[in-house]
Protein backbone atom coordinates (compact mmCIF):
# COMPACT_ATOMS: atom_id res chain seq x y z
CA MET A 1 123.52 58.49 125.15
CA ASN A 2 125.66 55.78 126.72
CA GLY A 3 128.81 57.22 125.12
CA ILE A 4 127.98 60.74 126.35
CA TRP A 5 127.37 59.39 129.84
CA LYS A 6 130.75 57.59 129.84
CA LYS A 7 132.54 60.78 128.73
CA THR A 8 130.79 62.80 131.47
CA VAL A 9 131.80 60.27 134.12
CA ALA A 10 135.35 60.27 132.82
CA ARG A 11 135.54 64.08 132.95
CA ASN A 12 134.14 64.09 136.50
CA ASN A 13 136.67 61.49 137.58
CA VAL A 14 139.51 63.56 136.14
CA ARG A 15 138.25 66.64 138.00
CA LYS A 16 137.98 64.68 141.24
CA TYR A 17 141.47 63.27 140.74
CA ALA A 18 142.92 66.72 140.01
CA ALA A 19 141.16 68.17 143.06
CA SER A 20 142.52 65.37 145.27
CA ILE A 21 146.07 66.02 144.04
CA VAL A 22 145.75 69.76 144.74
CA LYS A 23 144.34 69.02 148.18
CA LEU A 24 147.16 66.58 148.93
CA TYR A 25 149.78 69.06 147.71
CA LEU A 26 148.39 71.89 149.77
CA GLY A 27 148.11 69.63 152.79
CA GLU A 28 151.73 68.57 152.46
CA LYS A 29 152.83 72.18 152.14
CA THR A 30 150.91 73.08 155.28
CA MET A 31 152.32 70.14 157.21
CA SER A 32 155.88 70.82 156.09
CA LYS A 33 155.76 74.51 156.99
CA GLN A 34 158.41 75.18 159.58
CA ALA A 35 157.92 77.13 162.77
CA LYS A 36 159.47 80.58 162.69
CA THR A 37 163.00 81.01 164.00
CA LEU A 38 163.00 83.96 166.37
CA THR A 39 165.41 86.86 165.95
CA SER A 40 167.06 88.55 168.93
CA VAL A 41 164.74 91.53 168.40
CA GLU A 42 161.69 89.25 168.49
CA VAL A 43 162.93 87.48 171.62
CA LYS A 44 163.26 90.86 173.35
CA ARG A 45 159.77 91.84 172.18
CA ILE A 46 158.32 88.64 173.63
CA LEU A 47 160.11 89.11 176.96
CA ASP A 48 158.99 92.75 177.13
CA PHE A 49 155.41 91.67 176.42
CA ILE A 50 155.56 88.96 179.09
CA ALA A 51 156.88 91.42 181.68
CA LEU A 52 153.73 93.52 181.39
CA LYS A 53 151.26 90.67 181.88
CA LYS A 54 150.05 88.45 184.72
CA HIS A 55 152.18 85.41 185.66
CA ALA A 56 155.23 87.14 184.19
CA ALA A 57 157.83 85.06 186.08
CA ARG A 58 156.19 81.77 185.11
CA ASN A 59 155.71 82.74 181.48
CA ARG A 60 159.25 84.05 181.15
CA ALA A 61 160.66 80.83 182.62
CA MET A 62 158.57 78.61 180.34
CA PHE A 63 159.58 80.57 177.25
CA LEU A 64 163.27 80.50 178.16
CA VAL A 65 163.21 76.75 178.81
CA THR A 66 162.30 76.27 175.15
CA LEU A 67 164.79 78.91 174.00
CA TYR A 68 167.80 77.99 176.18
CA ALA A 69 167.35 74.21 176.43
CA GLY A 70 165.38 73.34 173.30
CA LEU A 71 162.65 71.39 175.08
CA ARG A 72 159.41 70.52 173.33
CA VAL A 73 156.34 72.07 174.91
CA GLY A 74 155.13 68.61 175.89
CA GLU A 75 158.36 68.09 177.81
CA VAL A 76 158.09 71.50 179.46
CA ALA A 77 154.56 70.66 180.59
CA THR A 78 155.75 67.52 182.40
CA LEU A 79 158.52 69.18 184.43
CA ARG A 80 158.24 68.86 188.19
CA TYR A 81 160.20 70.53 190.95
CA MET A 82 161.98 67.26 191.65
CA ASP A 83 163.23 67.19 188.06
CA VAL A 84 165.06 70.51 188.27
CA LEU A 85 166.08 70.82 191.92
CA GLY A 86 168.92 69.02 193.65
CA ALA A 87 169.12 68.03 197.30
CA ASP A 88 170.24 71.56 198.19
CA ASP A 89 167.19 73.10 196.46
CA GLU A 90 169.48 74.58 193.83
CA VAL A 91 168.64 74.17 190.13
CA ARG A 92 170.61 71.30 188.64
CA ASP A 93 172.84 71.70 185.60
CA GLU A 94 171.29 68.53 184.17
CA ILE A 95 167.63 67.53 183.94
CA ARG A 96 166.80 63.90 183.33
CA LEU A 97 163.73 63.38 181.15
CA ASP A 98 162.07 60.01 181.57
CA ALA A 99 161.29 58.01 178.43
CA SER A 100 157.58 58.31 179.17
CA VAL A 101 157.60 62.09 178.58
CA THR A 102 159.69 62.31 175.40
CA LYS A 103 158.34 62.14 171.87
CA ASN A 104 160.48 59.19 170.80
CA ASN A 105 160.05 57.30 174.10
CA GLU A 106 163.74 57.49 174.93
CA ALA A 107 165.09 59.01 178.14
CA ARG A 108 167.57 61.84 177.70
CA THR A 109 169.58 64.33 179.70
CA VAL A 110 168.89 68.02 179.19
CA PHE A 111 171.86 70.24 179.93
CA VAL A 112 170.94 73.49 181.67
CA ASN A 113 173.20 76.46 181.00
CA ALA A 114 174.03 79.14 183.57
CA LYS A 115 171.51 81.63 182.16
CA LEU A 116 168.63 79.18 182.41
CA ARG A 117 169.66 78.00 185.90
CA LYS A 118 169.53 81.62 187.07
CA GLU A 119 166.09 82.14 185.50
CA LEU A 120 164.65 78.96 187.01
CA GLN A 121 166.14 79.70 190.42
CA TYR A 122 164.49 83.12 190.39
CA TYR A 123 161.14 81.66 189.35
CA ILE A 124 161.26 78.98 192.05
CA LYS A 125 162.13 81.59 194.67
CA LEU A 126 158.91 83.41 193.74
CA LYS A 127 156.91 80.18 193.48
CA PRO A 128 158.35 77.73 196.06
CA TYR A 129 157.11 74.16 196.00
CA GLN A 130 154.63 72.65 198.42
CA ASN A 131 155.54 69.18 197.27
CA LEU A 132 158.55 68.20 195.16
CA ALA A 133 156.26 66.11 192.96
CA ASP A 134 154.21 69.19 192.00
CA LYS A 135 154.28 70.47 188.44
CA LEU A 136 156.93 73.15 188.03
CA PHE A 137 154.71 75.45 186.01
CA TYR A 138 151.35 76.06 187.67
CA THR A 139 148.02 76.94 186.11
CA GLN A 140 145.13 78.83 187.66
CA LYS A 141 143.61 75.49 188.65
CA ASN A 142 147.05 74.59 190.04
CA ASP A 143 147.14 71.25 188.21
CA GLY A 144 149.76 72.23 185.65
CA PHE A 145 149.68 72.40 181.87
CA THR A 146 149.14 69.57 179.43
CA ALA A 147 151.09 69.45 176.16
CA ASN A 148 148.00 70.71 174.34
CA THR A 149 147.18 73.60 176.66
CA LEU A 150 150.80 74.73 176.74
CA ALA A 151 151.00 74.65 172.94
CA GLN A 152 147.87 76.82 172.86
CA PHE A 153 149.44 79.18 175.39
CA PHE A 154 152.52 79.69 173.22
CA MET A 155 150.37 80.27 170.14
CA TYR A 156 148.48 82.96 172.06
CA LEU A 157 151.71 84.47 173.41
CA TYR A 158 153.33 84.86 169.99
CA ARG A 159 150.16 86.17 168.41
CA ALA A 160 149.63 88.69 171.20
CA ALA A 161 153.26 89.83 170.91
CA SER A 162 152.75 90.29 167.13
CA ILE A 163 155.26 87.61 166.11
CA ASP A 164 153.93 86.30 162.81
CA GLY A 165 154.59 82.67 161.90
CA ALA A 166 155.72 81.60 165.37
CA THR A 167 154.39 78.38 166.89
CA SER A 168 154.99 76.37 170.03
CA HIS A 169 158.05 74.92 168.25
CA SER A 170 159.70 78.30 167.62
CA GLY A 171 161.74 78.33 170.84
CA ARG A 172 163.11 74.86 170.09
CA ARG A 173 163.91 75.73 166.48
CA THR A 174 165.61 78.95 167.55
CA PHE A 175 167.72 76.98 170.06
CA ILE A 176 168.89 74.61 167.32
CA THR A 177 169.55 77.32 164.74
CA THR A 178 171.42 79.52 167.22
CA LEU A 179 173.81 76.70 168.13
CA ALA A 180 174.25 75.68 164.49
CA ASN A 181 175.09 79.31 163.71
CA LYS A 182 177.84 79.11 166.35
CA GLY A 183 179.37 76.04 164.75
CA VAL A 184 177.87 73.24 166.86
CA SER A 185 177.76 70.06 164.77
CA VAL A 186 174.45 68.59 163.65
CA ARG A 187 175.26 65.28 165.37
CA LEU A 188 175.77 67.03 168.71
CA LEU A 189 172.60 69.08 168.19
CA ALA A 190 170.61 65.93 167.49
CA SER A 191 171.82 64.45 170.76
CA LEU A 192 170.99 67.62 172.70
CA VAL A 193 167.40 67.82 171.48
CA GLY A 194 166.63 64.10 171.36
CA HIS A 195 166.42 63.48 167.61
CA LYS A 196 167.13 59.93 166.47
CA ASN A 197 168.26 61.05 163.01
CA ILE A 198 170.40 64.04 162.14
CA SER A 199 168.21 64.59 159.07
CA THR A 200 165.42 65.63 161.44
CA THR A 201 167.72 68.13 163.12
CA GLN A 202 168.84 69.52 159.77
CA CYS A 203 165.22 70.39 158.96
CA TYR A 204 165.15 72.62 162.05
CA ILE A 205 168.18 74.67 161.09
CA ASP A 206 167.21 77.93 159.46
CA VAL A 207 170.08 78.95 157.18
CA ASN A 208 170.56 82.71 157.36
CA ASP A 209 172.87 85.37 155.95
CA ASP A 210 175.07 85.41 159.04
CA MET A 211 175.76 81.69 158.65
CA LYS A 212 176.60 82.23 154.98
CA ARG A 213 179.01 85.06 155.79
CA LYS A 214 180.83 82.90 158.32
CA ALA A 215 180.91 79.99 155.87
CA VAL A 216 182.62 81.91 153.04
CA GLU A 217 185.27 83.18 155.46
CA LEU A 218 186.34 79.56 155.98
CA VAL A 219 187.50 79.22 152.35
């Protein structure tokens, strides 16, 4: 009886071990799953969807900040009018992010291109500040988003616009992949988006057929 009991325990232990390995494997696959890189058609679909809903100007501006500047949603949530406006109330071409609001606790400069400056200027014209210290992107309670609530908003937005696989990181990943596709070096990309290691940036780049076509033409 003792021998049978030992064999039963051994079999159960093997099953438990196998189950734990499967669970770990599946968990790692889930964690390593990348956010979807948005195509130009999907970007247009999202913008068209936003245009038909409430708070269209705000939602368009928030989406384009991730797409045109590569900000994390947590960084977008912290933006205040004073961060983006200069003394002349014009949108700056550089936004300084304090170390306290970045993921790696290092301050960085975000460079704002002409398209994004125009979008933000339009949004601010529609939603002028009462106080420069106010959050740039309001909520219904007028206290601004948190990183968590803004991440949830983007998840809802992509789902409602029927963009499968998109997450709150999709705008940022699309920003990185788009620039990589245009020949911007990984080291420069890492500096733009605030990655300490270029290996992190490389994980964001979604290799596509267009990049491959351009690559073979270099031979």
